[in-house]
C-alpha atoms as a PDB file:
ATOM      1  CA  MET A   1      -0.973  -8.721 -24.978  1.00  0.00           C
ATOM      2  CA  PRO A   2       1.788  -7.379 -22.759  1.00  0.00           C
ATOM      3  CA  ILE A   3       0.967  -4.387 -20.631  1.00  0.00           C
ATOM      4  CA  SER A   4       2.994  -1.362 -21.858  1.00  0.00           C
ATOM      5  CA  LEU A   5       3.764   1.821 -20.087  1.00  0.00           C
ATOM      6  CA  THR A   6       6.146   2.978 -22.803  1.00  0.00           C
ATOM      7  CA  GLY A   7       6.302   6.846 -22.901  1.00  0.00           C
ATOM      8  CA  LYS A   8       4.815   7.081 -19.319  1.00  0.00           C
ATOM      9  CA  VAL A   9       6.612   8.537 -16.360  1.00  0.00           C
ATOM     10  CA  ALA A  10       6.175   7.418 -12.686  1.00  0.00           C
ATOM     11  CA  ILE A  11       7.171   8.458  -9.232  1.00  0.00           C
ATOM     12  CA  VAL A  12       7.503   5.735  -6.569  1.00  0.00           C
ATOM     13  CA  THR A  13       8.129   6.997  -3.021  1.00  0.00           C
ATOM     14  CA  GLY A  14      10.135   4.848  -0.728  1.00  0.00           C
ATOM     15  CA  SER A  15      11.555   2.880  -3.476  1.00  0.00           C
ATOM     16  CA  GLY A  16      15.106   2.256  -2.330  1.00  0.00           C
ATOM     17  CA  GLY A  17      14.361  -1.280  -1.380  1.00  0.00           C
ATOM     18  CA  GLY A  18      11.746  -3.816  -0.532  1.00  0.00           C
ATOM     19  CA  LEU A  19       8.303  -3.494  -1.973  1.00  0.00           C
ATOM     20  CA  GLY A  20       8.893   0.094  -3.388  1.00  0.00           C
ATOM     21  CA  ALA A  21      11.955  -1.062  -5.292  1.00  0.00           C
ATOM     22  CA  ALA A  22       9.975  -3.940  -6.721  1.00  0.00           C
ATOM     23  CA  TYR A  23       7.200  -1.558  -7.852  1.00  0.00           C
ATOM     24  CA  ALA A  24       9.747   0.748  -9.458  1.00  0.00           C
ATOM     25  CA  LYS A  25      11.623  -2.040 -11.369  1.00  0.00           C
ATOM     26  CA  ALA A  26       8.312  -3.532 -12.581  1.00  0.00           C
ATOM     27  CA  LEU A  27       7.115  -0.115 -13.930  1.00  0.00           C
ATOM     28  CA  ALA A  28      10.436   0.420 -15.615  1.00  0.00           C
ATOM     29  CA  ALA A  29      10.327  -3.075 -17.184  1.00  0.00           C
ATOM     30  CA  ALA A  30       6.917  -2.198 -18.649  1.00  0.00           C
ATOM     31  CA  GLY A  31       8.480   0.980 -20.239  1.00  0.00           C
ATOM     32  CA  ALA A  32       7.936   3.725 -17.786  1.00  0.00           C
ATOM     33  CA  ALA A  33      10.666   6.189 -16.725  1.00  0.00           C
ATOM     34  CA  VAL A  34      10.738   6.284 -13.008  1.00  0.00           C
ATOM     35  CA  VAL A  35      11.704   8.763 -10.323  1.00  0.00           C
ATOM     36  CA  ILE A  36      13.060   6.781  -7.274  1.00  0.00           C
ATOM     37  CA  ASN A  37      12.580   8.382  -3.923  1.00  0.00           C
ATOM     38  CA  ASP A  38      14.224   7.268  -0.565  1.00  0.00           C
ATOM     39  CA  VAL A  39      15.965   8.763   2.450  1.00  0.00           C
ATOM     40  CA  SER A  40      18.988   6.680   1.688  1.00  0.00           C
ATOM     41  CA  ALA A  41      21.061   7.783  -1.133  1.00  0.00           C
ATOM     42  CA  GLU A  42      22.803   4.435  -1.317  1.00  0.00           C
ATOM     43  CA  ALA A  43      19.521   2.564  -1.426  1.00  0.00           C
ATOM     44  CA  ALA A  44      18.064   4.861  -4.184  1.00  0.00           C
ATOM     45  CA  ALA A  45      21.178   4.619  -6.271  1.00  0.00           C
ATOM     46  CA  ALA A  46      20.968   0.793  -6.051  1.00  0.00           C
ATOM     47  CA  THR A  47      17.415   0.885  -7.525  1.00  0.00           C
ATOM     48  CA  VAL A  48      18.438   3.459 -10.175  1.00  0.00           C
ATOM     49  CA  ALA A  49      21.355   1.150 -11.219  1.00  0.00           C
ATOM     50  CA  ALA A  50      19.265  -1.973 -11.311  1.00  0.00           C
ATOM     51  CA  ILE A  51      16.760  -0.283 -13.561  1.00  0.00           C
ATOM     52  CA  GLU A  52      19.381   1.306 -15.792  1.00  0.00           C
ATOM     53  CA  SER A  53      21.310  -1.918 -16.133  1.00  0.00           C
ATOM     54  CA  ALA A  54      18.177  -3.676 -17.353  1.00  0.00           C
ATOM     55  CA  GLY A  55      17.763  -0.967 -20.116  1.00  0.00           C
ATOM     56  CA  GLY A  56      15.322   1.362 -18.279  1.00  0.00           C
ATOM     57  CA  ARG A  57      15.368   4.985 -17.268  1.00  0.00           C
ATOM     58  CA  ALA A  58      15.371   6.234 -13.719  1.00  0.00           C
ATOM     59  CA  THR A  59      16.565   9.207 -11.563  1.00  0.00           C
ATOM     60  CA  ALA A  60      16.461   9.663  -7.770  1.00  0.00           C
ATOM     61  CA  VAL A  61      15.303  12.308  -5.214  1.00  0.00           C
ATOM     62  CA  ILE A  62      16.822  11.795  -1.828  1.00  0.00           C
ATOM     63  CA  ALA A  63      14.255  13.252   0.689  1.00  0.00           C
ATOM     64  CA  PRO A  64      11.680  12.273   3.324  1.00  0.00           C
ATOM     65  CA  VAL A  65       8.138  12.692   2.123  1.00  0.00           C
ATOM     66  CA  GLY A  66       5.684  14.571   4.040  1.00  0.00           C
ATOM     67  CA  SER A  67       6.193  18.225   3.261  1.00  0.00           C
ATOM     68  CA  ALA A  68       4.607  19.990   0.466  1.00  0.00           C
ATOM     69  CA  GLU A  69       8.156  20.995  -0.778  1.00  0.00           C
ATOM     70  CA  VAL A  70       9.273  17.470  -1.172  1.00  0.00           C
ATOM     71  CA  ALA A  71       6.106  16.511  -2.976  1.00  0.00           C
ATOM     72  CA  GLN A  72       6.645  19.335  -5.453  1.00  0.00           C
ATOM     73  CA  GLN A  73      10.324  18.358  -5.880  1.00  0.00           C
ATOM     74  CA  LEU A  74       9.247  14.905  -6.956  1.00  0.00           C
ATOM     75  CA  VAL A  75       6.890  16.222  -9.566  1.00  0.00           C
ATOM     76  CA  ASP A  76       9.384  18.775 -10.834  1.00  0.00           C
ATOM     77  CA  THR A  77      12.057  16.217 -11.081  1.00  0.00           C
ATOM     78  CA  ALA A  78       9.895  13.910 -13.168  1.00  0.00           C
ATOM     79  CA  VAL A  79       9.116  16.718 -15.493  1.00  0.00           C
ATOM     80  CA  ALA A  80      12.520  18.069 -15.692  1.00  0.00           C
ATOM     81  CA  ALA A  81      14.213  14.639 -16.269  1.00  0.00           C
ATOM     82  CA  PHE A  82      11.577  12.969 -18.411  1.00  0.00           C
ATOM     83  CA  GLY A  83       9.221  15.581 -19.727  1.00  0.00           C
ATOM     84  CA  ARG A  84       6.001  14.609 -17.906  1.00  0.00           C
ATOM     85  CA  LEU A  85       4.303  12.752 -15.219  1.00  0.00           C
ATOM     86  CA  ASP A  86       1.578  10.022 -15.498  1.00  0.00           C
ATOM     87  CA  ILE A  87       1.786   7.708 -12.505  1.00  0.00           C
ATOM     88  CA  LEU A  88       2.233   8.256  -8.590  1.00  0.00           C
ATOM     89  CA  VAL A  89       2.757   5.356  -6.309  1.00  0.00           C
ATOM     90  CA  THR A  90       2.879   6.371  -2.727  1.00  0.00           C
ATOM     91  CA  ASN A  91       4.812   3.646  -0.800  1.00  0.00           C
ATOM     92  CA  ALA A  92       7.109   5.426   1.702  1.00  0.00           C
ATOM     93  CA  GLY A  93       6.543   4.539   5.292  1.00  0.00           C
ATOM     94  CA  ILE A  94       8.049   3.986   8.611  1.00  0.00           C
ATOM     95  CA  LEU A  95       7.166   2.085  11.832  1.00  0.00           C
ATOM     96  CA  ARG A  96       7.077   3.085  15.432  1.00  0.00           C
ATOM     97  CA  ASP A  97       5.300   0.193  17.029  1.00  0.00           C
ATOM     98  CA  LYS A  98       4.140   0.507  20.607  1.00  0.00           C
ATOM     99  CA  SER A  99       0.915  -0.188  22.466  1.00  0.00           C
ATOM    100  CA  LEU A 100      -1.364   2.718  23.200  1.00  0.00           C
ATOM    101  CA  LEU A 101      -0.240   3.427  26.601  1.00  0.00           C
ATOM    102  CA  LYS A 102       3.539   3.428  25.614  1.00  0.00           C
ATOM    103  CA  MET A 103       3.149   5.341  22.314  1.00  0.00           C
ATOM    104  CA  THR A 104       4.480   8.853  22.586  1.00  0.00           C
ATOM    105  CA  ASP A 105       3.300  11.919  20.622  1.00  0.00           C
ATOM    106  CA  GLU A 106       6.532  11.631  18.617  1.00  0.00           C
ATOM    107  CA  ASP A 107       5.784   8.053  17.720  1.00  0.00           C
ATOM    108  CA  PHE A 108       2.397   8.853  16.573  1.00  0.00           C
ATOM    109  CA  ASP A 109       3.296  12.031  14.631  1.00  0.00           C
ATOM    110  CA  ALA A 110       6.260  10.483  12.795  1.00  0.00           C
ATOM    111  CA  VAL A 111       4.129   7.661  11.310  1.00  0.00           C
ATOM    112  CA  ILE A 112       1.255   9.865  10.413  1.00  0.00           C
ATOM    113  CA  GLY A 113       3.634  12.531   8.900  1.00  0.00           C
ATOM    114  CA  VAL A 114       5.259   9.897   6.500  1.00  0.00           C
ATOM    115  CA  HIS A 115       2.433   7.650   5.703  1.00  0.00           C
ATOM    116  CA  LEU A 116      -0.692   9.903   5.848  1.00  0.00           C
ATOM    117  CA  ARG A 117       0.643  13.497   5.221  1.00  0.00           C
ATOM    118  CA  GLY A 118       3.158  12.114   2.865  1.00  0.00           C
ATOM    119  CA  THR A 119       0.477  10.414   0.762  1.00  0.00           C
ATOM    120  CA  PHE A 120      -1.690  13.523   0.908  1.00  0.00           C
ATOM    121  CA  THR A 121       1.003  16.023  -0.161  1.00  0.00           C
ATOM    122  CA  CYS A 122       2.408  13.863  -2.945  1.00  0.00           C
ATOM    123  CA  VAL A 123      -1.088  13.054  -4.424  1.00  0.00           C
ATOM    124  CA  ARG A 124      -2.070  16.799  -4.214  1.00  0.00           C
ATOM    125  CA  ALA A 125       1.072  17.821  -6.101  1.00  0.00           C
ATOM    126  CA  ALA A 126       0.676  15.078  -8.704  1.00  0.00           C
ATOM    127  CA  ALA A 127      -3.045  15.664  -9.208  1.00  0.00           C
ATOM    128  CA  THR A 128      -2.436  19.343  -9.672  1.00  0.00           C
ATOM    129  CA  TYR A 129      -0.008  18.544 -12.461  1.00  0.00           C
ATOM    130  CA  PHE A 130      -2.440  15.922 -14.001  1.00  0.00           C
ATOM    131  CA  LYS A 131      -5.354  18.408 -14.163  1.00  0.00           C
ATOM    132  CA  GLU A 132      -3.328  21.366 -15.366  1.00  0.00           C
ATOM    133  CA  HIS A 133      -1.863  19.231 -18.200  1.00  0.00           C
ATOM    134  CA  GLU A 134      -4.949  17.084 -18.912  1.00  0.00           C
ATOM    135  CA  VAL A 135      -3.257  13.941 -18.050  1.00  0.00           C
ATOM    136  CA  ALA A 136      -5.380  10.884 -17.183  1.00  0.00           C
ATOM    137  CA  GLY A 137      -3.005  10.142 -14.391  1.00  0.00           C
ATOM    138  CA  ARG A 138      -2.842   7.113 -12.159  1.00  0.00           C
ATOM    139  CA  ILE A 139      -2.673   7.356  -8.309  1.00  0.00           C
ATOM    140  CA  ILE A 140      -1.830   4.176  -6.486  1.00  0.00           C
ATOM    141  CA  ALA A 141      -1.500   4.434  -2.704  1.00  0.00           C
ATOM    142  CA  ILE A 142      -0.171   1.649  -0.655  1.00  0.00           C
ATOM    143  CA  GLY A 143      -2.390   0.598   2.276  1.00  0.00           C
ATOM    144  CA  SER A 144      -2.050  -2.461   4.688  1.00  0.00           C
ATOM    145  CA  PRO A 145      -4.279  -5.125   6.265  1.00  0.00           C
ATOM    146  CA  THR A 146      -3.640  -3.333   9.472  1.00  0.00           C
ATOM    147  CA  GLY A 147      -5.493  -0.409   8.193  1.00  0.00           C
ATOM    148  CA  GLN A 148      -8.443  -2.616   7.196  1.00  0.00           C
ATOM    149  CA  ARG A 149      -8.659  -4.705  10.389  1.00  0.00           C
ATOM    150  CA  GLY A 150      -6.352  -3.191  13.136  1.00  0.00           C
ATOM    151  CA  ASN A 151      -3.285  -4.739  14.841  1.00  0.00           C
ATOM    152  CA  PHE A 152      -1.923  -4.782  18.288  1.00  0.00           C
ATOM    153  CA  GLY A 153       0.742  -2.159  18.909  1.00  0.00           C
ATOM    154  CA  GLN A 154       0.003  -0.256  15.695  1.00  0.00           C
ATOM    155  CA  THR A 155      -2.292   2.722  16.688  1.00  0.00           C
ATOM    156  CA  ASN A 156      -0.323   5.133  14.460  1.00  0.00           C
ATOM    157  CA  TYR A 157       0.129   2.772  11.494  1.00  0.00           C
ATOM    158  CA  ALA A 158      -3.553   1.636  11.548  1.00  0.00           C
ATOM    159  CA  ALA A 159      -4.653   5.201  11.677  1.00  0.00           C
ATOM    160  CA  ALA A 160      -2.602   6.159   8.714  1.00  0.00           C
ATOM    161  CA  LYS A 161      -3.393   3.173   6.475  1.00  0.00           C
ATOM    162  CA  ALA A 162      -7.120   3.482   7.200  1.00  0.00           C
ATOM    163  CA  GLY A 163      -6.862   7.189   6.392  1.00  0.00           C
ATOM    164  CA  ILE A 164      -5.138   6.483   3.069  1.00  0.00           C
ATOM    165  CA  VAL A 165      -7.978   4.285   1.983  1.00  0.00           C
ATOM    166  CA  GLY A 166     -10.558   7.011   3.053  1.00  0.00           C
ATOM    167  CA  MET A 167      -8.568   9.580   1.108  1.00  0.00           C
ATOM    168  CA  ILE A 168      -8.459   7.349  -2.025  1.00  0.00           C
ATOM    169  CA  ARG A 169     -12.301   6.888  -1.994  1.00  0.00           C
ATOM    170  CA  THR A 170     -12.579  10.680  -1.747  1.00  0.00           C
ATOM    171  CA  TRP A 171     -10.073  11.418  -4.545  1.00  0.00           C
ATOM    172  CA  ALA A 172     -11.842   8.814  -6.705  1.00  0.00           C
ATOM    173  CA  ILE A 173     -14.942  11.070  -6.598  1.00  0.00           C
ATOM    174  CA  GLU A 174     -13.243  14.376  -6.888  1.00  0.00           C
ATOM    175  CA  LEU A 175     -10.856  13.363  -9.746  1.00  0.00           C
ATOM    176  CA  LYS A 176     -13.217  11.231 -11.832  1.00  0.00           C
ATOM    177  CA  LYS A 177     -14.232  13.985 -14.139  1.00  0.00           C
ATOM    178  CA  ALA A 178     -10.623  14.578 -15.076  1.00  0.00           C
ATOM    179  CA  GLY A 179     -10.062  10.969 -15.991  1.00  0.00           C
ATOM    180  CA  ILE A 180      -7.707  10.431 -12.980  1.00  0.00           C
ATOM    181  CA  THR A 181      -7.962   7.078 -11.197  1.00  0.00           C
ATOM    182  CA  ALA A 182      -7.089   6.637  -7.513  1.00  0.00           C
ATOM    183  CA  ASN A 183      -6.827   3.185  -5.923  1.00  0.00           C
ATOM    184  CA  ALA A 184      -5.373   1.569  -2.819  1.00  0.00           C
ATOM    185  CA  VAL A 185      -3.236  -1.629  -2.913  1.00  0.00           C
ATOM    186  CA  ILE A 186      -3.095  -3.733   0.216  1.00  0.00           C
ATOM    187  CA  PRO A 187       0.165  -5.863  -0.133  1.00  0.00           C
ATOM    188  CA  VAL A 188       0.889  -9.018   1.813  1.00  0.00           C
ATOM    189  CA  ALA A 189       4.519  -9.855   1.100  1.00  0.00           C
ATOM    190  CA  ALA A 190       7.766 -10.933   2.634  1.00  0.00           C
ATOM    191  CA  THR A 191       9.570  -7.948   4.180  1.00  0.00           C
ATOM    192  CA  ALA A 192      12.500  -7.416   6.565  1.00  0.00           C
ATOM    193  CA  MET A 193       9.848  -7.678   9.373  1.00  0.00           C
ATOM    194  CA  THR A 194       8.576 -11.008   8.291  1.00  0.00           C
ATOM    195  CA  ARG A 195      12.110 -12.445   8.553  1.00  0.00           C
ATOM    196  CA  THR A 196      11.980 -12.186  12.325  1.00  0.00           C
ATOM    197  CA  ILE A 197       8.544 -14.156  12.535  1.00  0.00           C
ATOM    198  CA  PRO A 198       9.229 -17.897  13.134  1.00  0.00           C
ATOM    199  CA  TYR A 199       5.757 -18.737  11.510  1.00  0.00           C
ATOM    200  CA  PHE A 200       7.310 -17.496   8.045  1.00  0.00           C
ATOM    201  CA  ALA A 201      10.714 -19.221   8.437  1.00  0.00           C
ATOM    202  CA  ALA A 202      10.147 -21.686   5.649  1.00  0.00           C
ATOM    203  CA  ALA A 203       8.906 -19.036   3.289  1.00  0.00           C
ATOM    204  CA  VAL A 204      11.885 -16.751   4.136  1.00  0.00           C
ATOM    205  CA  GLU A 205      14.402 -19.730   3.660  1.00  0.00           C
ATOM    206  CA  ALA A 206      12.916 -20.584   0.257  1.00  0.00           C
ATOM    207  CA  GLY A 207      13.238 -16.988  -0.906  1.00  0.00           C
ATOM    208  CA  GLU A 208      16.696 -16.563   0.301  1.00  0.00           C
ATOM    209  CA  ALA A 209      17.707 -19.791  -1.436  1.00  0.00           C
ATOM    210  CA  GLY A 210      16.155 -18.650  -4.707  1.00  0.00           C
ATOM    211  CA  GLN A 211      13.569 -21.393  -4.428  1.00  0.00           C
ATOM    212  CA  ALA A 212       9.836 -21.191  -4.931  1.00  0.00           C
ATOM    213  CA  MET A 213       7.892 -20.278  -1.836  1.00  0.00           C
ATOM    214  CA  PRO A 214       5.862 -23.279  -0.569  1.00  0.00           C
ATOM    215  CA  ALA A 215       2.254 -23.357  -1.889  1.00  0.00           C
ATOM    216  CA  PHE A 216       0.790 -23.079   1.695  1.00  0.00           C
ATOM    217  CA  PHE A 217       2.119 -19.587   2.026  1.00  0.00           C
ATOM    218  CA  ARG A 218       1.408 -18.549  -1.562  1.00  0.00           C
ATOM    219  CA  HIS A 219      -2.053 -19.964  -1.919  1.00  0.00           C
ATOM    220  CA  ASP A 220      -3.559 -20.659   1.499  1.00  0.00           C
ATOM    221  CA  LEU A 221      -2.123 -17.447   3.107  1.00  0.00           C
ATOM    222  CA  GLY A 222      -1.906 -15.164   0.080  1.00  0.00           C
ATOM    223  CA  PHE A 223       1.638 -14.426   1.134  1.00  0.00           C
ATOM    224  CA  GLY A 224       4.390 -13.909  -1.393  1.00  0.00           C
ATOM    225  CA  THR A 225       7.286 -11.750  -2.526  1.00  0.00           C
ATOM    226  CA  PRO A 226       7.406  -8.094  -3.425  1.00  0.00           C
ATOM    227  CA  GLU A 227       7.505  -9.009  -7.012  1.00  0.00           C
ATOM    228  CA  ASP A 228       4.048 -10.714  -6.632  1.00  0.00           C
ATOM    229  CA  VAL A 229       2.599  -7.338  -5.737  1.00  0.00           C
ATOM    230  CA  ALA A 230       4.269  -5.483  -8.490  1.00  0.00           C
ATOM    231  CA  GLY A 231       2.045  -6.875 -11.302  1.00  0.00           C
ATOM    232  CA  LEU A 232      -1.039  -5.184  -9.782  1.00  0.00           C
ATOM    233  CA  ILE A 233       0.843  -1.943  -9.524  1.00  0.00           C
ATOM    234  CA  VAL A 234       1.761  -2.155 -13.291  1.00  0.00           C
ATOM    235  CA  TRP A 235      -1.755  -3.087 -14.185  1.00  0.00           C
ATOM    236  CA  LEU A 236      -3.430  -0.158 -12.258  1.00  0.00           C
ATOM    237  CA  ALA A 237      -0.950   2.101 -13.875  1.00  0.00           C
ATOM    238  CA  SER A 238      -1.840   1.092 -17.435  1.00  0.00           C
ATOM    239  CA  ALA A 239      -4.569   2.126 -19.819  1.00  0.00           C
ATOM    240  CA  GLN A 240      -6.360  -1.153 -19.412  1.00  0.00           C
ATOM    241  CA  ALA A 241      -7.304  -0.173 -15.814  1.00  0.00           C
ATOM    242  CA  GLN A 242      -9.124   2.971 -16.925  1.00  0.00           C
ATOM    243  CA  GLY A 243     -12.428   3.003 -15.061  1.00  0.00           C
ATOM    244  CA  ILE A 244     -11.026   1.103 -11.864  1.00  0.00           C
ATOM    245  CA  THR A 245     -11.041   3.801  -9.288  1.00  0.00           C
ATOM    246  CA  GLY A 246     -11.754   4.144  -5.612  1.00  0.00           C
ATOM    247  CA  GLN A 247     -10.990   0.489  -4.911  1.00  0.00           C
ATOM    248  CA  ALA A 248      -8.913  -1.267  -2.230  1.00  0.00           C
ATOM    249  CA  ILE A 249      -7.292  -4.352  -3.803  1.00  0.00           C
ATOM    250  CA  GLY A 250      -5.338  -6.872  -1.801  1.00  0.00           C
ATOM    251  CA  VAL A 251      -2.545  -8.907  -3.320  1.00  0.00           C
ATOM    252  CA  GLY A 252       0.042 -11.433  -2.176  1.00  0.00           C
ATOM    253  CA  GLY A 253       1.389 -14.759  -3.436  1.00  0.00           C
ATOM    254  CA  ASP A 254      -1.204 -16.342  -5.697  1.00  0.00           C
ATOM    255  CA  ARG A 255      -4.087 -14.388  -4.468  1.00  0.00           C
ATOM    256  CA  ILE A 256      -5.792 -11.052  -5.350  1.00  0.00           C
ATOM    257  CA  GLN A 257      -8.755  -9.782  -3.105  1.00  0.00           C
ATOM    258  CA  LEU A 258     -11.201  -6.937  -3.553  1.00  0.00           C
ATOM    259  CA  TRP A 259     -11.786  -5.411  -0.128  1.00  0.00           C
ATOM    260  CA  SER A 260     -15.337  -4.147   0.507  1.00  0.00           C
ATOM    261  CA  HIS A 261     -16.058  -0.672   1.549  1.00  0.00           C
ATOM    262  CA  PRO A 262     -17.733  -0.336   5.004  1.00  0.00           C
ATOM    263  CA  GLU A 263     -21.373  -0.832   4.832  1.00  0.00           C
ATOM    264  CA  ALA A 264     -24.102  -1.227   7.400  1.00  0.00           C
ATOM    265  CA  ILE A 265     -24.895  -4.996   7.831  1.00  0.00           C
ATOM    266  CA  THR A 266     -28.283  -4.408   9.435  1.00  0.00           C
ATOM    267  CA  ALA A 267     -30.491  -1.722  10.727  1.00  0.00           C
ATOM    268  CA  TRP A 268     -33.244  -1.444  13.524  1.00  0.00           C
ATOM    269  CA  TYR A 269     -35.944   1.054  14.007  1.00  0.00           C
ATOM    270  CA  HIS A 270     -37.765   2.389  17.119  1.00  0.00           C
ATOM    271  CA  ASP A 271     -40.569   4.895  16.874  1.00  0.00           C
ATOM    272  CA  GLY A 272     -39.533   8.113  18.520  1.00  0.00           C
ATOM    273  CA  GLY A 273     -35.884   7.112  18.546  1.00  0.00           C
ATOM    274  CA  TRP A 274     -33.719   5.049  20.843  1.00  0.00           C
ATOM    275  CA  ASP A 275     -33.077   5.773  24.398  1.00  0.00           C
ATOM    276  CA  ALA A 276     -30.542   3.679  26.492  1.00  0.00           C
ATOM    277  CA  GLU A 277     -33.266   1.562  28.071  1.00  0.00           C
ATOM    278  CA  ALA A 278     -34.887   0.738  24.612  1.00  0.00           C
ATOM    279  CA  ILE A 279     -31.560  -0.216  23.285  1.00  0.00           C
ATOM    280  CA  GLU A 280     -30.853  -2.478  26.261  1.00  0.00           C
ATOM    281  CA  THR A 281     -34.345  -4.153  26.117  1.00  0.00           C
ATOM    282  CA  GLU A 282     -34.651  -4.536  22.352  1.00  0.00           C
ATOM    283  CA  LEU A 283     -31.067  -4.832  21.122  1.00  0.00           C
ATOM    284  CA  GLY A 284     -28.715  -5.619  24.018  1.00  0.00           C
ATOM    285  CA  GLY A 285     -28.567  -9.346  23.383  1.00  0.00           C
ATOM    286  CA  GLU A 286     -28.800  -9.064  19.667  1.00  0.00           C
ATOM    287  CA  LEU A 287     -25.854  -6.574  19.481  1.00  0.00           C
ATOM    288  CA  HIS A 288     -23.656  -8.734  21.601  1.00  0.00           C
ATOM    289  CA  GLY A 289     -24.370 -11.572  19.027  1.00  0.00           C
ATOM    290  CA  ARG A 290     -23.460  -9.586  16.068  1.00  0.00           C
ATOM    291  CA  LEU A 291     -20.062  -7.994  17.092  1.00  0.00           C
ATOM    292  CA  GLN A 292     -17.749  -7.624  14.108  1.00  0.00           C
ATOM    293  CA  PRO A 293     -14.222  -9.091  14.306  1.00  0.00           C
ATOM    294  CA  VAL A 294     -11.090  -6.917  14.784  1.00  0.00           C
ATOM    295  CA  GLY A 295      -7.612  -7.751  14.005  1.00  0.00           C
ATOM    296  CA  GLU A 296      -6.270 -10.371  11.584  1.00  0.00           C
ATOM    297  CA  ALA A 297      -7.718 -13.799  11.838  1.00  0.00           C
ATOM    298  CA  PRO A 298      -5.431 -16.311  13.382  1.00  0.00           C
ATOM    299  CA  TRP A 299      -3.034 -17.893  10.994  1.00  0.00           C
ATOM    300  CA  PRO A 300      -3.798 -21.544  10.319  1.00  0.00           C
ATOM    301  CA  GLU A 301      -1.546 -24.122  11.733  1.00  0.00           C
ATOM    302  CA  LEU A 302       1.649 -24.704   9.764  1.00  0.00           C
ATOM    303  CA  PRO A 303       1.750 -28.084   7.904  1.00  0.00           C
ATOM    304  CA  ALA A 304       4.249 -30.316   9.717  1.00  0.00           C
ATOM    305  CA  GLU A 305       6.857 -30.269   6.917  1.00  0.00           C
ATOM    306  CA  LEU A 306       7.001 -26.424   7.094  1.00  0.00           C
ATOM    307  CA  GLN A 307       7.419 -26.086  10.961  1.00  0.00           C
ATOM    308  CA  ARG A 308      10.743 -25.032  12.350  1.00  0.00           C
ATOM    309  CA  SER A 309      11.965 -25.574  15.850  1.00  0.00           C
ATOM    310  CA  PRO A 310      12.932 -22.268  17.817  1.00  0.00           C
ATOM    311  CA  GLN A 311      16.566 -23.340  17.402  1.00  0.00           C
ATOM    312  CA  ALA A 312      16.485 -23.848  13.719  1.00  0.00           C
END
């Protein structure tokens, strides 16, 4: 049976283009009316026009997320334009990539303000509406593999995305009694950034030519298009996903992954507690042998037919 969101109303932050636009269009195609949000009026208008030309309903709010005032404006716009609110997708984000010693306070605060504070304020405003109007709402926050594993040059982004998953787990507990679900989606998809990475050249070329992305990317890497991620967004927003809450779910290409929550992998005990000497004597060697990985695993070597020369 098709997943239907007919009669539902969604907000998608950062939906003027890229992944956010794909989410908004998919929600609209499933029957939801959508509030588009972006800092670019031109980009937001393009997404609204695409939805309306396909027979859907949409309106736009041009504002940067982060403040409580903008969060409330988004909720108020949904109610004024479409009569209610059922779904919130927090996707808006920016990058200010620099290594730790080069990252300024402004670089850090800007990314935290949009990603982390923007998610917090928008979810707070939406959840307040859901509870006051007894709506079994859907909260879908966009995370990142960087928030799960870390990545060089992304202290601010890693902190924000890890924090989003932590908030989602907390909200799943706090909002469960109200029937509100809260989940994080961890997308792996072609974006403007991946166009600059030679490793993905064959995938980008295929997409720009309107061709299917090679199976190596879609299956082996779990890397695909923004539209590949949108199906999970629609499903999590639907009645069929009731009871799915507090989860971090990865999606890209042909692959969906369920990320584990952090758990202790082993434990040791020492009567009277551990002093530094006991740790060194009893655990020093064992701890060195059990260190957990950080960062993304190295990408596998490209098949010969997908390799591109630097001049290509």
